[in-house]
Amino acid sequence: MIGRRQLSVRARSALAAAGAVTLALVLASLALLVVLHDSVETNAVATATTRAHDVASELTTDGSVTSGINLTPAPGDVAFLQVLHAGEVVASSPAVAGFPPLSSVPATAGTAVEVQPDAVGPGEGPFVTVVLGTSDGVDGADTVIVQQSYSEGSETVQDAAQALLVAVPLLVLVVGAITYLLTGRALQPVEQIRRRTAQISDADLDTRIDVPRTGDEIARLAVTLNGMLDRLHDAQQAQVRFVADASHELRSPLAAVRAELDVATRRPQEADWAATAAALRGSTDRMQRLVDDLLVLTRTAESGSTDRDHDVDLDDVVEHVGFDAHAPAGVAVEVHTTPAQVRGNPHELERVVRNLTDNAVRHAAGRVRLSMSVHGAEVTVHVEDDGTGIPPESREVVFERFARLDEGRARSAGGSGLGLAIVQGIVESHGGRVEVGSSPLGGADVVVRLPLRRDPQSSSAATR
């Protein structure tokens, strides 16, 4: 069931960019307004403090508040001044004449302090209020109060806030639009790759995607998809070869059955039905083995299709197969084991050892050796013979399905060519690996490496 349609990558990218820019701009705007407001207020406090010191300086010089001190602010300057003595107003600027003290906070001589006012002058605010104590030697005055307006600075802050209210949404829209366009251009190669991939079917798996020359993630995506197509093409070709090889292998015994039946039914009274039955049984046995091998190959390719969760004493498996090997006259089979336990399917692991042993016995000149060793967390099984060995250039080929070297082309000498492919499939499904090398005996050495279940407790050896 397909869920509801979601926004495209372009739209989501544009929205994400717009959201991030909106958050950044809002925070930056708030910080700017706070800093601007603090700066305006600080300037107003500095102006009021300077004015208070100026008045205090005049008071100190004159020695009296009745000596014609000027408390009138400059034109356009909204400031209110009061001079107090013992809490009573003894002089003030014209705008606050008759006003009670603007602040009742006690003042310290020589120190200007910003305070909360008790009263506000008639001018346009907002205001800051500074209180300054005069020197003790001043006659008739002990406190100077200056109330300074910073309305112009406040208007500047408001104008900046209004400008940001307009600029921020516009910037967000511009960033979103640019992100949408750029994301669309960046995703054009992806869309081309998508269309090209959609045109590829199982009939033309040899087609490949054009890799952009950008050297970025898109180019790496195209390379990865081409690699996947290579693997799919190889898998398809392997499947085609597998079907063709299986058909070819089955054709021979089926043709033999058909020929035997044709001969026998042409003259049923003269036919040797016992010989015919024996011939048919041999062909059907061969087909049965081939079908069984194909079924095992299919199961090993399916992870979890068989039970591989048992503790298996691998040394018991090797001894059982080695001592039970059907070696022709003149071929001796040696078995050397050490206790080792692995995790897996005992029947599949027995088939691995048996396939390798049968293969070694078939090609040995007179000696086959099965041996085990434990190294760290890995157990190794060697199956060696003193035959002609496997050339280095063929040591990977022998694990392919229906692969036979020239020596094993004859039906009597070689099997169906699935034995080593089955071995590799089972070993890899158990988390191990299989390799082919040269044996000190002179022939081939097939090595199976499996993860150890637990460390061996002791060692033993058996020889046949």
Protein backbone atom coordinates (compact mmCIF):
# COMPACT_ATOMS: atom_id res chain seq x y z
CA MET A 1 0.00 0.00 0.00
CA ILE A 2 1.45 3.36 -1.06
CA GLY A 3 1.28 6.09 1.54
CA ARG A 4 0.29 9.66 0.95
CA ARG A 5 2.39 11.62 -1.49
CA GLN A 6 5.24 13.50 0.11
CA LEU A 7 7.00 16.67 -0.94
CA SER A 8 9.81 16.36 -3.45
CA VAL A 9 13.45 16.58 -2.46
CA ARG A 10 13.61 20.06 -4.01
CA ALA A 11 10.66 21.27 -1.95
CA ARG A 12 11.95 19.69 1.25
CA SER A 13 15.40 21.20 0.69
CA ALA A 14 13.91 24.64 0.06
CA LEU A 15 11.72 24.40 3.16
CA ALA A 16 14.64 23.20 5.27
CA ALA A 17 16.85 26.04 4.05
CA ALA A 18 14.07 28.57 4.60
CA GLY A 19 13.44 27.25 8.10
CA ALA A 20 17.12 27.37 9.01
CA VAL A 21 17.53 30.89 7.62
CA THR A 22 14.36 32.03 9.37
CA LEU A 23 15.62 30.77 12.72
CA ALA A 24 19.06 32.31 12.19
CA LEU A 25 17.66 35.66 11.06
CA VAL A 26 15.12 35.87 13.86
CA LEU A 27 17.76 35.16 16.49
CA ALA A 28 20.19 37.58 14.85
CA SER A 29 17.49 40.26 14.61
CA LEU A 30 16.54 39.89 18.25
CA ALA A 31 20.19 40.07 19.26
CA LEU A 32 20.68 43.16 17.08
CA LEU A 33 17.66 44.93 18.57
CA VAL A 34 18.75 44.11 22.12
CA VAL A 35 22.28 45.37 21.48
CA LEU A 36 20.97 48.48 19.74
CA HIS A 37 18.55 49.25 22.57
CA ASP A 38 21.28 48.74 25.19
CA SER A 39 23.61 51.00 23.21
CA VAL A 40 21.01 53.78 23.02
CA GLU A 41 20.24 53.49 26.71
CA THR A 42 23.95 53.43 27.60
CA ASN A 43 24.54 56.58 25.55
CA ALA A 44 21.64 58.29 27.35
CA VAL A 45 23.11 57.30 30.75
CA ALA A 46 26.52 58.60 29.67
CA THR A 47 24.99 61.90 28.53
CA ALA A 48 23.05 62.30 31.77
CA THR A 49 26.13 61.44 33.85
CA THR A 50 28.25 63.99 32.00
CA ARG A 51 25.57 66.66 32.50
CA ALA A 52 25.33 65.83 36.22
CA HIS A 53 29.10 66.15 36.66
CA ASP A 54 29.05 69.46 34.79
CA VAL A 55 26.37 70.85 37.14
CA ALA A 56 28.21 69.50 40.19
CA SER A 57 31.41 71.13 38.94
CA GLU A 58 29.67 74.50 38.59
CA LEU A 59 28.25 74.10 42.08
CA THR A 60 31.65 73.41 43.50
CA THR A 61 33.17 76.38 41.72
CA ASP A 62 30.47 78.85 42.66
CA GLY A 63 29.92 77.47 46.12
CA SER A 64 26.21 78.34 46.01
CA VAL A 65 23.12 77.43 43.96
CA THR A 66 22.05 81.07 43.88
CA SER A 67 24.97 82.27 41.77
CA GLY A 68 23.19 82.10 38.42
CA ILE A 69 23.86 78.46 37.54
CA ASN A 70 22.34 77.50 34.16
CA LEU A 71 20.08 74.41 34.34
CA THR A 72 18.34 75.01 31.02
CA PRO A 73 19.03 72.17 28.49
CA ALA A 74 20.27 72.85 24.98
CA PRO A 75 17.70 73.25 22.19
CA GLY A 76 16.31 69.84 21.20
CA ASP A 77 17.77 68.18 24.27
CA VAL A 78 15.03 66.67 26.41
CA ALA A 79 16.65 66.67 29.83
CA PHE A 80 15.36 67.66 33.28
CA LEU A 81 17.71 68.79 36.04
CA GLN A 82 17.18 69.27 39.77
CA VAL A 83 19.50 70.31 42.56
CA LEU A 84 18.56 69.11 46.01
CA HIS A 85 19.60 69.99 49.51
CA ALA A 86 18.49 67.78 52.36
CA GLY A 87 15.90 66.18 50.05
CA GLU A 88 14.36 69.51 48.98
CA VAL A 89 14.53 70.97 45.46
CA VAL A 90 16.58 74.17 45.59
CA ALA A 91 17.04 74.60 41.82
CA SER A 92 15.61 73.01 38.65
CA SER A 93 15.34 73.34 34.91
CA PRO A 94 12.29 75.28 33.70
CA ALA A 95 10.38 72.20 32.49
CA VAL A 96 10.26 70.64 35.99
CA ALA A 97 9.94 73.80 38.02
CA GLY A 98 7.65 73.08 40.93
CA PHE A 99 8.04 69.30 40.52
CA PRO A 100 8.83 67.22 43.56
CA PRO A 101 12.26 65.54 43.61
CA LEU A 102 12.56 63.21 40.64
CA SER A 103 14.32 60.66 42.89
CA SER A 104 14.67 60.13 46.61
CA VAL A 105 17.60 57.71 46.35
CA PRO A 106 20.48 58.81 48.61
CA ALA A 107 23.48 60.03 46.61
CA THR A 108 27.17 59.48 47.23
CA ALA A 109 29.51 62.38 46.73
CA GLY A 110 31.38 62.17 43.42
CA THR A 111 29.55 59.05 42.23
CA ALA A 112 26.82 59.13 39.55
CA VAL A 113 24.31 56.29 39.81
CA GLU A 114 21.46 55.36 37.48
CA VAL A 115 18.26 54.93 39.51
CA GLN A 116 14.58 54.28 39.07
CA PRO A 117 12.81 57.66 39.18
CA ASP A 118 10.06 58.55 41.66
CA ALA A 119 8.57 60.95 39.10
CA VAL A 120 8.90 61.52 35.35
CA GLY A 121 9.20 64.87 33.63
CA PRO A 122 6.71 66.15 31.11
CA GLY A 123 8.79 65.44 28.01
CA GLU A 124 8.66 62.49 25.61
CA GLY A 125 10.33 59.38 26.97
CA PRO A 126 11.65 56.90 27.62
CA PHE A 127 14.03 58.35 30.23
CA VAL A 128 17.07 57.42 32.26
CA THR A 129 17.64 59.06 35.65
CA VAL A 130 21.09 59.69 37.16
CA VAL A 131 21.74 60.85 40.73
CA LEU A 132 25.09 62.45 41.70
CA GLY A 133 26.19 63.57 45.15
CA THR A 134 28.18 66.82 45.29
CA SER A 135 31.21 67.59 47.43
CA ASP A 136 30.66 68.26 51.08
CA GLY A 137 32.02 71.78 50.72
CA VAL A 138 29.19 73.02 48.51
CA ASP A 139 26.93 75.42 50.29
CA GLY A 140 23.22 74.81 49.87
CA ALA A 141 23.30 71.74 47.59
CA ASP A 142 24.13 68.06 48.11
CA THR A 143 22.49 66.19 45.18
CA VAL A 144 22.18 66.65 41.43
CA ILE A 145 19.48 64.75 39.53
CA VAL A 146 19.48 64.51 35.72
CA GLN A 147 16.63 62.83 33.83
CA GLN A 148 17.58 62.31 30.21
CA SER A 149 15.22 61.28 27.39
CA TYR A 150 16.39 58.93 24.65
CA SER A 151 13.26 59.02 22.52
CA GLU A 152 15.21 59.52 19.30
CA GLY A 153 17.31 56.45 19.99
CA SER A 154 14.17 54.48 20.86
CA GLU A 155 12.62 55.51 17.55
CA THR A 156 15.75 54.28 15.80
CA VAL A 157 15.33 50.89 17.47
CA GLN A 158 11.68 50.78 16.41
CA ASP A 159 12.59 51.71 12.84
CA ALA A 160 15.18 48.93 12.79
CA ALA A 161 12.60 46.45 14.10
CA GLN A 162 10.11 47.47 11.39
CA ALA A 163 12.80 47.18 8.71
CA LEU A 164 13.69 43.70 9.95
CA LEU A 165 10.04 42.66 9.87
CA VAL A 166 10.07 43.37 6.15
CA ALA A 167 13.61 42.26 5.32
CA VAL A 168 13.60 38.91 7.12
CA PRO A 169 10.60 37.41 5.23
CA LEU A 170 12.02 38.70 1.94
CA LEU A 171 15.40 37.12 2.67
CA VAL A 172 13.72 33.85 3.62
CA LEU A 173 11.76 33.82 0.37
CA VAL A 174 14.88 34.59 -1.66
CA VAL A 175 16.89 31.85 0.09
CA GLY A 176 14.05 29.34 -0.38
CA ALA A 177 13.69 30.18 -4.07
CA ILE A 178 17.45 30.01 -4.71
CA THR A 179 17.69 26.71 -2.82
CA TYR A 180 14.79 25.30 -4.84
CA LEU A 181 16.43 26.27 -8.13
CA LEU A 182 19.91 25.10 -7.18
CA THR A 183 18.60 21.81 -5.77
CA GLY A 184 16.72 21.24 -9.01
CA ARG A 185 19.87 21.78 -11.03
CA ALA A 186 21.87 19.54 -8.69
CA LEU A 187 19.28 16.76 -9.01
CA GLN A 188 19.11 16.85 -12.80
CA PRO A 189 21.82 14.15 -13.11
CA VAL A 190 19.88 12.03 -10.60
CA GLU A 191 16.75 12.34 -12.72
CA GLN A 192 18.74 11.39 -15.80
CA ILE A 193 20.11 8.36 -13.97
CA ARG A 194 16.57 7.44 -12.86
CA ARG A 195 15.19 7.65 -16.39
CA ARG A 196 18.11 5.67 -17.77
CA THR A 197 17.73 3.01 -15.10
CA ALA A 198 13.99 2.76 -15.73
CA GLN A 199 14.73 1.93 -19.38
CA ILE A 200 16.97 -1.03 -18.49
CA SER A 201 15.25 -4.41 -18.43
CA ASP A 202 16.41 -7.98 -18.14
CA ALA A 203 16.71 -8.04 -21.92
CA ASP A 204 19.44 -5.39 -22.02
CA LEU A 205 21.39 -5.72 -18.77
CA ASP A 206 24.55 -4.90 -20.70
CA THR A 207 23.40 -1.26 -20.93
CA ARG A 208 25.19 1.09 -18.57
CA ILE A 209 24.52 4.52 -17.07
CA ASP A 210 26.54 7.51 -18.21
CA VAL A 211 28.78 8.66 -15.36
CA PRO A 212 28.85 12.47 -14.89
CA ARG A 213 32.30 14.08 -14.88
CA THR A 214 31.59 15.95 -11.67
CA GLY A 215 33.46 13.54 -9.40
CA ASP A 216 30.88 14.07 -6.66
CA GLU A 217 28.29 11.87 -4.94
CA ILE A 218 26.17 11.73 -8.11
CA ALA A 219 29.09 10.33 -10.09
CA ARG A 220 29.76 7.78 -7.36
CA LEU A 221 26.08 6.82 -7.42
CA ALA A 222 26.28 6.20 -11.16
CA VAL A 223 29.44 4.10 -10.69
CA THR A 224 27.72 2.11 -7.94
CA LEU A 225 24.65 1.48 -10.10
CA ASN A 226 26.84 0.38 -12.99
CA GLY A 227 28.59 -2.01 -10.63
CA MET A 228 25.22 -3.38 -9.56
CA LEU A 229 24.23 -3.79 -13.22
CA ASP A 230 27.51 -5.62 -13.83
CA ARG A 231 26.70 -8.02 -11.00
CA LEU A 232 23.13 -8.50 -12.21
CA HIS A 233 24.39 -9.13 -15.73
CA ASP A 234 26.94 -11.65 -14.46
CA ALA A 235 24.26 -13.33 -12.33
CA GLN A 236 21.91 -13.53 -15.30
CA GLN A 237 24.63 -14.97 -17.51
CA ALA A 238 25.54 -17.45 -14.77
CA GLN A 239 21.89 -18.45 -14.49
CA VAL A 240 21.62 -18.90 -18.25
CA ARG A 241 24.80 -21.01 -18.26
CA PHE A 242 23.55 -22.96 -15.28
CA VAL A 243 20.25 -23.78 -16.97
CA ALA A 244 22.05 -24.71 -20.18
CA ASP A 245 24.58 -26.88 -18.35
CA ALA A 246 21.86 -28.57 -16.28
CA SER A 247 19.85 -29.25 -19.42
CA HIS A 248 22.95 -30.66 -21.11
CA GLU A 249 23.74 -32.89 -18.14
CA LEU A 250 20.19 -34.20 -17.99
CA ARG A 251 19.96 -34.71 -21.73
CA SER A 252 22.51 -37.52 -21.82
CA PRO A 253 20.84 -39.85 -19.27
CA LEU A 254 17.42 -39.01 -20.71
CA ALA A 255 18.69 -39.87 -24.21
CA ALA A 256 20.11 -43.13 -22.85
CA VAL A 257 16.76 -44.00 -21.24
CA ARG A 258 14.94 -43.14 -24.46
CA ALA A 259 17.33 -45.28 -26.52
CA GLU A 260 17.05 -48.28 -24.20
CA LEU A 261 13.26 -48.08 -24.26
CA ASP A 262 13.15 -47.69 -28.04
CA VAL A 263 15.33 -50.75 -28.54
CA ALA A 264 13.40 -52.82 -26.02
CA THR A 265 9.95 -51.90 -27.29
CA ARG A 266 10.85 -52.47 -30.92
CA ARG A 267 11.15 -56.22 -30.31
CA PRO A 268 9.71 -56.81 -26.85
CA GLN A 269 9.82 -60.61 -27.18
CA GLU A 270 13.55 -60.60 -27.93
CA ALA A 271 14.54 -57.82 -25.50
CA ASP A 272 16.70 -58.54 -22.49
CA TRP A 273 14.52 -56.76 -19.96
CA ALA A 274 16.89 -57.41 -17.08
CA ALA A 275 19.74 -55.67 -18.92
CA THR A 276 17.35 -52.90 -19.98
CA ALA A 277 16.22 -52.39 -16.38
CA ALA A 278 19.82 -52.27 -15.21
CA ALA A 279 20.69 -49.68 -17.87
CA LEU A 280 17.62 -47.62 -17.00
CA ARG A 281 18.46 -47.81 -13.31
CA GLY A 282 21.97 -46.52 -13.96
CA SER A 283 20.66 -43.56 -15.99
CA THR A 284 17.95 -42.72 -13.48
CA ASP A 285 20.47 -42.96 -10.63
CA ARG A 286 22.66 -40.48 -12.44
CA MET A 287 19.73 -38.13 -12.96
CA GLN A 288 18.75 -38.54 -9.31
CA ARG A 289 22.25 -37.58 -8.17
CA LEU A 290 22.23 -34.57 -10.45
CA VAL A 291 18.82 -33.41 -9.21
CA ASP A 292 19.92 -33.91 -5.59
CA ASP A 293 23.07 -31.87 -6.23
CA LEU A 294 21.04 -29.10 -7.83
CA LEU A 295 18.69 -29.09 -4.84
CA VAL A 296 21.64 -28.84 -2.42
CA LEU A 297 23.06 -25.93 -4.41
CA THR A 298 19.73 -24.14 -4.23
CA ARG A 299 19.48 -24.65 -0.48
CA THR A 300 23.00 -23.47 0.22
CA ALA A 301 22.22 -20.24 -1.62
CA GLU A 302 19.25 -19.58 0.67
CA SER A 303 20.44 -18.29 4.05
CA GLY A 304 18.41 -19.79 6.85
CA SER A 305 16.81 -22.39 4.57
CA THR A 306 18.46 -25.20 6.50
CA ASP A 307 19.16 -25.69 10.17
CA ARG A 308 22.72 -24.55 10.84
CA ASP A 309 22.43 -23.95 14.56
CA HIS A 310 23.94 -27.14 16.00
CA ASP A 311 27.20 -27.83 17.79
CA VAL A 312 29.07 -30.15 15.43
CA ASP A 313 32.16 -32.13 16.42
CA LEU A 314 34.07 -31.65 13.21
CA ASP A 315 36.71 -34.21 14.15
CA ASP A 316 33.97 -36.89 14.40
CA VAL A 317 32.72 -35.92 10.94
CA VAL A 318 36.21 -36.12 9.42
CA GLU A 319 36.94 -39.49 11.05
CA HIS A 320 33.59 -40.93 9.99
CA VAL A 321 34.03 -39.89 6.37
CA GLY A 322 37.72 -40.83 6.22
CA PHE A 323 37.35 -44.29 7.73
CA ASP A 324 34.25 -44.93 5.60
CA ALA A 325 35.83 -43.78 2.32
CA HIS A 326 35.47 -46.19 -0.61
CA ALA A 327 39.03 -46.15 -1.86
CA PRO A 328 40.04 -48.40 -4.78
CA ALA A 329 42.76 -50.97 -4.33
CA GLY A 330 46.16 -49.40 -3.93
CA VAL A 331 44.90 -46.11 -2.45
CA ALA A 332 45.40 -45.54 1.29
CA VAL A 333 43.41 -42.96 3.24
CA GLU A 334 45.02 -41.36 6.30
CA VAL A 335 43.00 -39.46 8.89
CA HIS A 336 44.57 -37.07 11.42
CA THR A 337 42.15 -35.13 13.63
CA THR A 338 42.14 -32.85 16.62
CA PRO A 339 39.02 -32.12 18.69
CA ALA A 340 37.22 -29.06 17.32
CA GLN A 341 33.61 -27.98 17.48
CA VAL A 342 31.87 -25.69 15.00
CA ARG A 343 28.39 -24.30 14.65
CA GLY A 344 26.39 -25.59 11.72
CA ASN A 345 24.49 -28.40 10.04
CA PRO A 346 26.17 -31.80 10.60
CA HIS A 347 24.76 -33.33 7.41
CA GLU A 348 25.97 -30.45 5.23
CA LEU A 349 29.42 -30.47 6.83
CA GLU A 350 29.64 -34.24 6.32
CA ARG A 351 28.77 -33.71 2.67
CA VAL A 352 31.60 -31.19 2.36
CA VAL A 353 34.18 -33.63 3.70
CA ARG A 354 32.72 -36.52 1.72
CA ASN A 355 32.71 -34.61 -1.57
CA LEU A 356 36.33 -33.58 -1.07
CA THR A 357 37.35 -37.09 -0.01
CA ASP A 358 35.62 -38.74 -2.98
CA ASN A 359 37.26 -36.22 -5.29
CA ALA A 360 40.69 -36.87 -3.76
CA VAL A 361 40.26 -40.68 -3.93
CA ARG A 362 39.19 -40.40 -7.57
CA HIS A 363 42.39 -38.54 -8.56
CA ALA A 364 44.91 -40.06 -6.13
CA ALA A 365 47.73 -42.27 -7.29
CA GLY A 366 48.04 -44.14 -4.02
CA ARG A 367 47.60 -41.87 -1.03
CA VAL A 368 44.94 -39.54 0.42
CA ARG A 369 45.30 -37.63 3.68
CA LEU A 370 42.63 -35.91 5.78
CA SER A 371 43.99 -33.68 8.55
CA MET A 372 42.79 -30.99 10.93
CA SER A 373 44.42 -28.10 12.78
CA VAL A 374 43.23 -25.28 15.00
CA HIS A 375 44.61 -21.74 14.79
CA GLY A 376 43.08 -19.15 17.08
CA ALA A 377 39.35 -18.98 16.42
CA GLU A 378 39.54 -21.02 13.21
CA VAL A 379 39.65 -24.74 12.44
CA THR A 380 41.25 -25.93 9.21
CA VAL A 381 40.56 -29.17 7.35
CA HIS A 382 43.04 -30.32 4.67
CA VAL A 383 42.09 -32.95 2.09
CA GLU A 384 45.23 -33.91 0.13
CA ASP A 385 46.13 -36.45 -2.52
CA ASP A 386 49.20 -37.50 -4.47
CA GLY A 387 47.59 -37.17 -7.88
CA THR A 388 48.36 -34.71 -10.66
CA GLY A 389 47.04 -31.73 -8.71
CA ILE A 390 45.16 -28.68 -9.96
CA PRO A 391 47.01 -26.05 -12.02
CA PRO A 392 47.10 -22.56 -10.42
CA GLU A 393 45.11 -21.03 -13.29
CA SER A 394 42.27 -23.52 -12.67
CA ARG A 395 42.01 -23.26 -8.87
CA GLU A 396 39.15 -20.76 -9.06
CA VAL A 397 37.45 -22.40 -12.05
CA VAL A 398 36.99 -25.73 -10.26
CA PHE A 399 34.43 -24.14 -7.91
CA GLU A 400 32.15 -23.12 -10.77
CA ARG A 401 29.07 -25.17 -11.45
CA PHE A 402 29.54 -28.03 -13.94
CA ALA A 403 33.24 -27.25 -14.13
CA ARG A 404 35.52 -30.17 -15.03
CA LEU A 405 39.18 -30.17 -15.81
CA ASP A 406 40.36 -32.14 -18.82
CA GLU A 407 41.28 -35.09 -16.61
CA GLY A 408 37.73 -35.32 -15.30
CA ARG A 409 35.82 -34.93 -18.55
CA ALA A 410 35.04 -38.60 -18.83
CA ARG A 411 31.81 -39.62 -17.13
CA SER A 412 33.52 -42.52 -15.45
CA ALA A 413 36.27 -40.37 -14.00
CA GLY A 414 34.46 -37.14 -13.16
CA GLY A 415 31.11 -36.39 -11.61
CA SER A 416 28.58 -33.86 -12.74
CA GLY A 417 30.92 -30.97 -11.96
CA LEU A 418 28.85 -29.79 -8.99
CA GLY A 419 30.84 -31.34 -6.14
CA LEU A 420 33.21 -28.47 -5.44
CA ALA A 421 30.49 -25.89 -6.13
CA ILE A 422 28.42 -27.57 -3.41
CA VAL A 423 31.43 -27.56 -1.08
CA GLN A 424 31.99 -23.86 -1.59
CA GLY A 425 28.30 -23.02 -1.12
CA ILE A 426 28.03 -24.99 2.14
CA VAL A 427 31.30 -23.67 3.58
CA GLU A 428 30.44 -20.05 2.81
CA SER A 429 26.95 -20.49 4.28
CA HIS A 430 28.72 -21.57 7.52
CA GLY A 431 30.85 -18.42 7.54
CA GLY A 432 33.98 -20.12 6.24
CA ARG A 433 36.00 -20.28 3.04
CA VAL A 434 37.59 -22.95 0.87
CA GLU A 435 40.87 -22.77 -1.03
CA VAL A 436 42.92 -24.98 -3.35
CA GLY A 437 46.68 -25.33 -3.11
CA SER A 438 49.49 -27.80 -3.68
CA SER A 439 50.00 -30.71 -1.30
CA PRO A 440 53.38 -31.98 -0.05
CA LEU A 441 52.12 -35.37 -1.26
CA GLY A 442 52.43 -34.06 -4.82
CA GLY A 443 48.78 -33.52 -5.70
CA ALA A 444 46.03 -31.12 -4.73
CA ASP A 445 45.37 -29.73 -1.24
CA VAL A 446 41.82 -28.49 -0.70
CA VAL A 447 41.63 -26.41 2.48
CA VAL A 448 38.39 -25.70 4.36
CA ARG A 449 38.47 -23.00 7.04
CA LEU A 450 35.57 -22.67 9.47
CA PRO A 451 35.03 -20.49 12.56
CA LEU A 452 35.67 -22.44 15.74
CA ARG A 453 32.81 -22.96 18.15
CA ARG A 454 35.07 -23.30 21.17
CA ASP A 455 38.71 -24.01 21.90
CA PRO A 456 39.70 -27.69 21.75
CA GLN A 457 40.34 -29.40 25.06
CA SER A 458 42.76 -32.03 23.85
CA SER A 459 44.39 -33.55 20.77
CA SER A 460 44.25 -36.99 19.25
CA ALA A 461 45.23 -38.69 16.03
CA ALA A 462 44.00 -41.65 14.04
CA THR A 463 45.53 -43.25 10.98
CA ARG A 464 44.21 -45.66 8.45
